Amino acid sequence: MTDQLGYRFKIGVIIPSTNTSCQPEMDALRVPGVTNHVARMFIHDDSMEEKPGFDHVMHSIRSSTEPAIRAVVTCAPDHLVIAVSPESYWEGPESHGRILKSMRSIGGGLPVTMSPDAIKAALDCYGDVRRIAVITPYLPLGDDPVSRFFTDSGYEVVNITGLGCTSPAQIAHVSEARLRQAVREVDGPDVQAIVQVGTNVAMARVATAAEAWLDKPVLSNNVALYWHALRQGGVHDSITGFGSLLERHLHLPERTNGTTPTNPHLTYSTTGIAGR
């Protein structure tokens, strides 16, 4: 039998126990017939100011991810979203592929979305975007592996700004005013798109507004994750109010000639996001 509420698509979302932004942002993105089911990885709100503390947070995430996945799959979701950023970026693109395979195995073969895959697919929607700016929640200790990950994945990181959060829970305290400032700090004439990483950053509303100021893609981590899960699961609704990605890009991009995605409803440029 089909769920009464989740009759189209059920998404299992795995988040750290300290994260208070991801769940409400993703719930705001739901469309009729789609339901979200959250499992939390137990971690302490440890300091991330020095490497030992950051490493302890990483260890806690790694040790608690598998139990959280095993818990959420008991509700029989159609898709898993692993909504935690440090694990996705810390050891580079080659390690990410191994981690993604492991998550699928733990989830019994369910499709899995993680941030690097969602963000890459989202950037592909806007043409041959290679020069990006990045906003992270971290101090330089956490910024460096994120920048290196994107560089190793073929992007030029023109600018990066860390919000300087000192613990996982503190990330949710960053104000919209500070996020707007961060967008201005990283933007520039050479920047083709702005990418925000960190699922405890409440960035969805700011990113939507920033696209209007800048006439270029501004990707919120949580919006990109949810978009990727929906489109991979065959949910192609246009969702308004959360940026061009959910509103206009109704399918995952198809690449032609290795550069330009095929979408008959949009014109692509290195900066613009306007539809026809």
Protein backbone atom coordinates (compact mmCIF):
# COMPACT_ATOMS: atom_id res chain seq x y z
CA MET A 1 0.00 0.00 0.00
CA THR A 2 1.03 3.63 -0.56
CA ASP A 3 1.45 6.15 2.24
CA GLN A 4 -1.55 8.45 2.60
CA LEU A 5 0.66 11.57 2.75
CA GLY A 6 3.81 10.45 0.96
CA TYR A 7 2.03 8.91 -1.98
CA ARG A 8 4.49 10.28 -4.55
CA PHE A 9 7.88 10.26 -2.85
CA LYS A 10 9.32 9.76 0.63
CA ILE A 11 12.71 11.27 1.43
CA GLY A 12 14.85 10.13 4.34
CA VAL A 13 17.03 13.01 5.54
CA ILE A 14 20.09 12.34 7.71
CA ILE A 15 21.29 15.35 9.71
CA PRO A 16 23.50 15.99 12.74
CA SER A 17 21.66 16.25 16.05
CA THR A 18 22.88 19.86 16.40
CA ASN A 19 21.35 20.95 13.10
CA THR A 20 18.24 23.14 13.45
CA SER A 21 18.12 24.71 9.95
CA CYS A 22 18.02 21.84 7.49
CA GLN A 23 14.75 20.28 8.60
CA PRO A 24 12.61 23.45 8.50
CA GLU A 25 14.15 24.61 5.23
CA MET A 26 13.50 21.27 3.53
CA ASP A 27 9.98 21.06 4.96
CA ALA A 28 9.28 24.44 3.35
CA LEU A 29 10.23 22.94 -0.03
CA ARG A 30 7.80 20.01 0.07
CA VAL A 31 5.16 19.63 -2.62
CA PRO A 32 1.90 17.65 -2.32
CA GLY A 33 2.52 13.93 -2.03
CA VAL A 34 6.14 14.29 -0.90
CA THR A 35 7.12 13.73 2.74
CA ASN A 36 10.40 14.17 4.62
CA HIS A 37 11.53 11.79 7.36
CA VAL A 38 14.45 12.96 9.47
CA ALA A 39 16.96 10.85 11.38
CA ARG A 40 19.64 12.52 13.48
CA MET A 41 23.28 11.59 13.88
CA PHE A 42 24.15 12.07 17.54
CA ILE A 43 27.07 14.47 17.95
CA HIS A 44 28.16 16.84 20.70
CA ASP A 45 28.37 20.57 20.13
CA ASP A 46 32.16 20.46 20.23
CA SER A 47 34.42 23.39 19.49
CA MET A 48 35.70 23.53 15.91
CA GLU A 49 38.25 26.27 16.56
CA GLU A 50 41.22 23.89 16.55
CA LYS A 51 41.96 20.75 14.56
CA PRO A 52 41.43 18.27 17.45
CA GLY A 53 37.92 19.60 18.02
CA PHE A 54 37.09 19.59 14.31
CA ASP A 55 38.43 16.05 14.04
CA HIS A 56 36.27 14.99 16.99
CA VAL A 57 33.17 16.38 15.26
CA MET A 58 34.15 14.44 12.13
CA HIS A 59 34.63 11.25 14.14
CA SER A 60 31.22 11.69 15.79
CA ILE A 61 29.57 12.17 12.41
CA ARG A 62 31.23 9.08 10.96
CA SER A 63 30.35 6.86 13.90
CA SER A 64 26.71 7.97 14.03
CA THR A 65 25.83 8.08 10.33
CA GLU A 66 25.25 4.36 9.90
CA PRO A 67 22.83 4.03 12.87
CA ALA A 68 20.86 7.05 11.61
CA ILE A 69 20.55 5.57 8.11
CA ARG A 70 19.49 2.19 9.48
CA ALA A 71 16.85 3.92 11.60
CA VAL A 72 15.31 5.98 8.81
CA VAL A 73 15.15 3.13 6.27
CA THR A 74 12.62 1.38 8.52
CA CYS A 75 10.01 3.87 7.29
CA ALA A 76 10.71 2.72 3.72
CA PRO A 77 11.82 5.98 2.07
CA ASP A 78 12.38 6.15 -1.67
CA HIS A 79 15.55 8.22 -1.40
CA LEU A 80 18.18 9.24 1.15
CA VAL A 81 19.68 12.70 1.57
CA ILE A 82 22.87 12.78 3.64
CA ALA A 83 22.66 16.39 4.80
CA VAL A 84 26.04 16.88 6.43
CA SER A 85 28.84 18.82 4.77
CA PRO A 86 32.26 18.14 6.38
CA GLU A 87 32.18 14.44 5.61
CA SER A 88 31.42 15.23 1.98
CA TYR A 89 34.46 17.44 1.44
CA TRP A 90 37.12 16.57 3.96
CA GLU A 91 39.10 13.91 2.08
CA GLY A 92 38.58 14.95 -1.54
CA PRO A 93 36.63 13.78 -4.61
CA GLU A 94 38.07 10.26 -4.70
CA SER A 95 37.13 9.65 -1.09
CA HIS A 96 33.67 11.09 -1.72
CA GLY A 97 32.94 8.38 -4.27
CA ARG A 98 33.85 5.70 -1.74
CA ILE A 99 31.71 7.38 0.95
CA LEU A 100 28.73 7.65 -1.39
CA LYS A 101 28.99 3.95 -2.26
CA SER A 102 29.13 3.08 1.44
CA MET A 103 26.02 5.16 2.18
CA ARG A 104 24.10 3.38 -0.59
CA SER A 105 25.14 0.02 0.80
CA ILE A 106 24.06 0.90 4.34
CA GLY A 107 20.75 2.14 2.93
CA GLY A 108 20.05 -1.16 1.22
CA GLY A 109 20.71 0.19 -2.26
CA LEU A 110 18.46 3.24 -2.02
CA PRO A 111 19.49 6.25 -4.14
CA VAL A 112 21.58 8.69 -2.11
CA THR A 113 22.12 12.43 -2.54
CA MET A 114 25.13 14.14 -0.97
CA SER A 115 26.16 17.77 -1.26
CA PRO A 116 28.98 17.48 -3.85
CA ASP A 117 26.76 15.60 -6.31
CA ALA A 118 23.82 17.94 -5.82
CA ILE A 119 25.93 21.09 -6.18
CA LYS A 120 27.74 19.82 -9.28
CA ALA A 121 24.44 18.91 -10.96
CA ALA A 122 22.99 22.29 -9.98
CA LEU A 123 25.96 24.17 -11.45
CA ASP A 124 25.67 22.11 -14.64
CA CYS A 125 22.17 23.53 -15.10
CA TYR A 126 23.66 26.97 -15.75
CA GLY A 127 26.03 26.12 -18.56
CA ASP A 128 29.80 25.81 -18.43
CA VAL A 129 30.24 27.32 -14.96
CA ARG A 130 33.82 26.93 -13.72
CA ARG A 131 34.60 30.08 -11.72
CA ILE A 132 32.78 29.98 -8.43
CA ALA A 133 32.77 31.72 -5.06
CA VAL A 134 32.08 29.72 -1.93
CA ILE A 135 30.54 30.56 1.44
CA THR A 136 31.20 28.11 4.30
CA PRO A 137 30.19 28.15 7.96
CA TYR A 138 33.74 27.40 9.08
CA LEU A 139 36.94 28.96 10.24
CA PRO A 140 39.95 28.65 7.86
CA LEU A 141 40.56 25.15 9.25
CA GLY A 142 37.34 24.02 7.54
CA ASP A 143 37.49 26.37 4.56
CA ASP A 144 40.67 24.85 3.17
CA PRO A 145 39.37 21.32 2.47
CA VAL A 146 36.19 22.73 0.94
CA SER A 147 38.18 24.96 -1.41
CA ARG A 148 40.52 22.10 -2.25
CA PHE A 149 37.58 19.79 -2.99
CA PHE A 150 36.09 22.17 -5.54
CA THR A 151 39.49 22.85 -7.09
CA ASP A 152 40.19 19.12 -7.40
CA SER A 153 36.75 18.75 -9.00
CA GLY A 154 37.66 21.15 -11.82
CA TYR A 155 36.36 24.47 -10.51
CA GLU A 156 38.29 27.66 -9.94
CA VAL A 157 37.47 29.02 -6.51
CA VAL A 158 37.73 32.76 -7.13
CA ASN A 159 36.78 33.75 -3.57
CA ILE A 160 35.88 31.93 -0.36
CA THR A 161 34.41 33.35 2.83
CA GLY A 162 34.03 31.43 6.06
CA LEU A 163 31.42 32.57 8.56
CA GLY A 164 33.72 31.66 11.45
CA CYS A 165 31.31 29.47 13.42
CA THR A 166 33.03 27.88 16.39
CA SER A 167 30.74 24.86 16.94
CA PRO A 168 28.11 22.92 14.96
CA ALA A 169 25.12 24.46 16.76
CA GLN A 170 26.48 27.99 16.37
CA ILE A 171 26.12 27.68 12.58
CA ALA A 172 22.35 28.08 12.84
CA HIS A 173 22.82 31.42 14.63
CA VAL A 174 24.24 33.22 11.58
CA SER A 175 21.87 36.07 10.71
CA GLU A 176 20.45 36.91 7.31
CA ALA A 177 22.28 40.24 7.50
CA ARG A 178 25.60 38.40 7.88
CA LEU A 179 24.72 36.07 5.02
CA ARG A 180 23.91 39.01 2.75
CA GLN A 181 27.27 40.52 3.69
CA ALA A 182 29.01 37.23 2.87
CA VAL A 183 27.40 37.16 -0.57
CA ARG A 184 28.72 40.67 -1.26
CA GLU A 185 32.18 39.70 0.03
CA VAL A 186 32.61 36.73 -2.32
CA ASP A 187 30.95 38.15 -5.41
CA GLY A 188 32.91 39.74 -8.21
CA PRO A 189 32.92 40.21 -11.99
CA ASP A 190 34.84 36.94 -12.49
CA VAL A 191 32.44 34.89 -10.37
CA GLN A 192 29.94 32.89 -12.44
CA ALA A 193 28.07 31.36 -9.49
CA ILE A 194 28.04 31.50 -5.70
CA VAL A 195 27.85 28.26 -3.73
CA GLN A 196 27.00 28.03 -0.03
CA VAL A 197 27.96 24.85 1.83
CA GLY A 198 26.81 23.76 5.27
CA THR A 199 23.31 22.41 5.92
CA ASN A 200 22.89 24.21 9.25
CA VAL A 201 23.19 27.60 7.51
CA ALA A 202 19.69 29.01 6.93
CA MET A 203 20.55 30.34 3.48
CA ALA A 204 17.53 29.53 1.30
CA ARG A 205 15.81 32.94 1.53
CA VAL A 206 19.02 34.94 1.21
CA ALA A 207 20.16 32.94 -1.83
CA THR A 208 16.82 33.51 -3.54
CA ALA A 209 17.02 37.26 -3.01
CA ALA A 210 20.69 37.41 -4.01
CA GLU A 211 19.97 35.89 -7.42
CA ALA A 212 17.75 38.88 -8.13
CA TRP A 213 20.47 41.38 -7.14
CA LEU A 214 23.28 39.66 -8.96
CA ASP A 215 21.68 37.99 -12.00
CA LYS A 216 23.73 34.87 -11.42
CA PRO A 217 23.12 31.54 -9.67
CA VAL A 218 23.37 31.58 -5.89
CA LEU A 219 23.06 28.03 -4.58
CA SER A 220 21.89 27.22 -1.07
CA ASN A 221 23.15 23.84 0.15
CA ASN A 222 19.76 22.67 1.43
CA VAL A 223 17.88 23.77 -1.69
CA ALA A 224 20.42 22.02 -3.95
CA LEU A 225 20.16 18.79 -1.94
CA TYR A 226 16.37 18.79 -2.01
CA TRP A 227 16.21 19.71 -5.70
CA HIS A 228 18.56 16.86 -6.57
CA ALA A 229 16.56 14.32 -4.56
CA LEU A 230 13.25 15.41 -6.10
CA ARG A 231 14.51 15.39 -9.67
CA GLN A 232 16.33 12.08 -9.29
CA GLY A 233 13.13 10.65 -7.87
CA GLY A 234 11.01 11.79 -10.80
CA VAL A 235 9.31 14.72 -9.05
CA HIS A 236 9.44 17.53 -11.61
CA ASP A 237 7.21 20.18 -10.04
CA SER A 238 8.19 23.82 -10.42
CA ILE A 239 8.58 25.21 -6.90
CA THR A 240 8.49 28.99 -6.66
CA GLY A 241 9.96 31.27 -4.03
CA PHE A 242 13.26 29.44 -3.53
CA GLY A 243 15.35 30.45 -6.52
CA SER A 244 15.77 29.55 -10.15
CA LEU A 245 17.02 26.01 -9.49
CA LEU A 246 13.73 24.68 -8.09
CA GLU A 247 11.53 26.93 -10.19
CA ARG A 248 13.04 26.44 -13.64
CA HIS A 249 15.20 23.34 -13.65
CA LEU A 250 12.67 20.54 -13.59
CA HIS A 251 15.05 17.71 -14.50
CA LEU A 252 18.63 16.83 -13.71
CA PRO A 253 20.84 18.27 -16.45
CA GLU A 254 21.79 16.32 -19.52
CA ARG A 255 25.26 17.17 -20.74
CA THR A 256 25.96 17.59 -24.45
CA ASN A 257 29.50 17.88 -25.78
CA GLY A 258 30.65 17.73 -22.16
CA THR A 259 29.73 21.35 -21.53
CA THR A 260 26.20 22.59 -22.08
CA PRO A 261 23.10 21.01 -20.51
CA THR A 262 20.02 20.47 -22.64
CA ASN A 263 16.86 22.22 -21.46
CA PRO A 264 14.45 23.68 -24.03
CA HIS A 265 12.90 26.12 -21.56
CA LEU A 266 16.00 28.12 -20.68
CA THR A 267 18.75 30.08 -22.25
CA TYR A 268 22.15 29.66 -20.64
CA SER A 269 25.03 32.02 -20.24
CA THR A 270 27.97 32.21 -17.93
CA THR A 271 26.05 34.59 -15.68
CA GLY A 272 22.39 35.04 -16.50
CA ILE A 273 19.56 32.92 -15.12
CA ALA A 274 16.68 34.27 -17.17
CA GLY A 275 14.18 31.91 -18.74
CA ARG A 276 12.68 32.32 -22.14
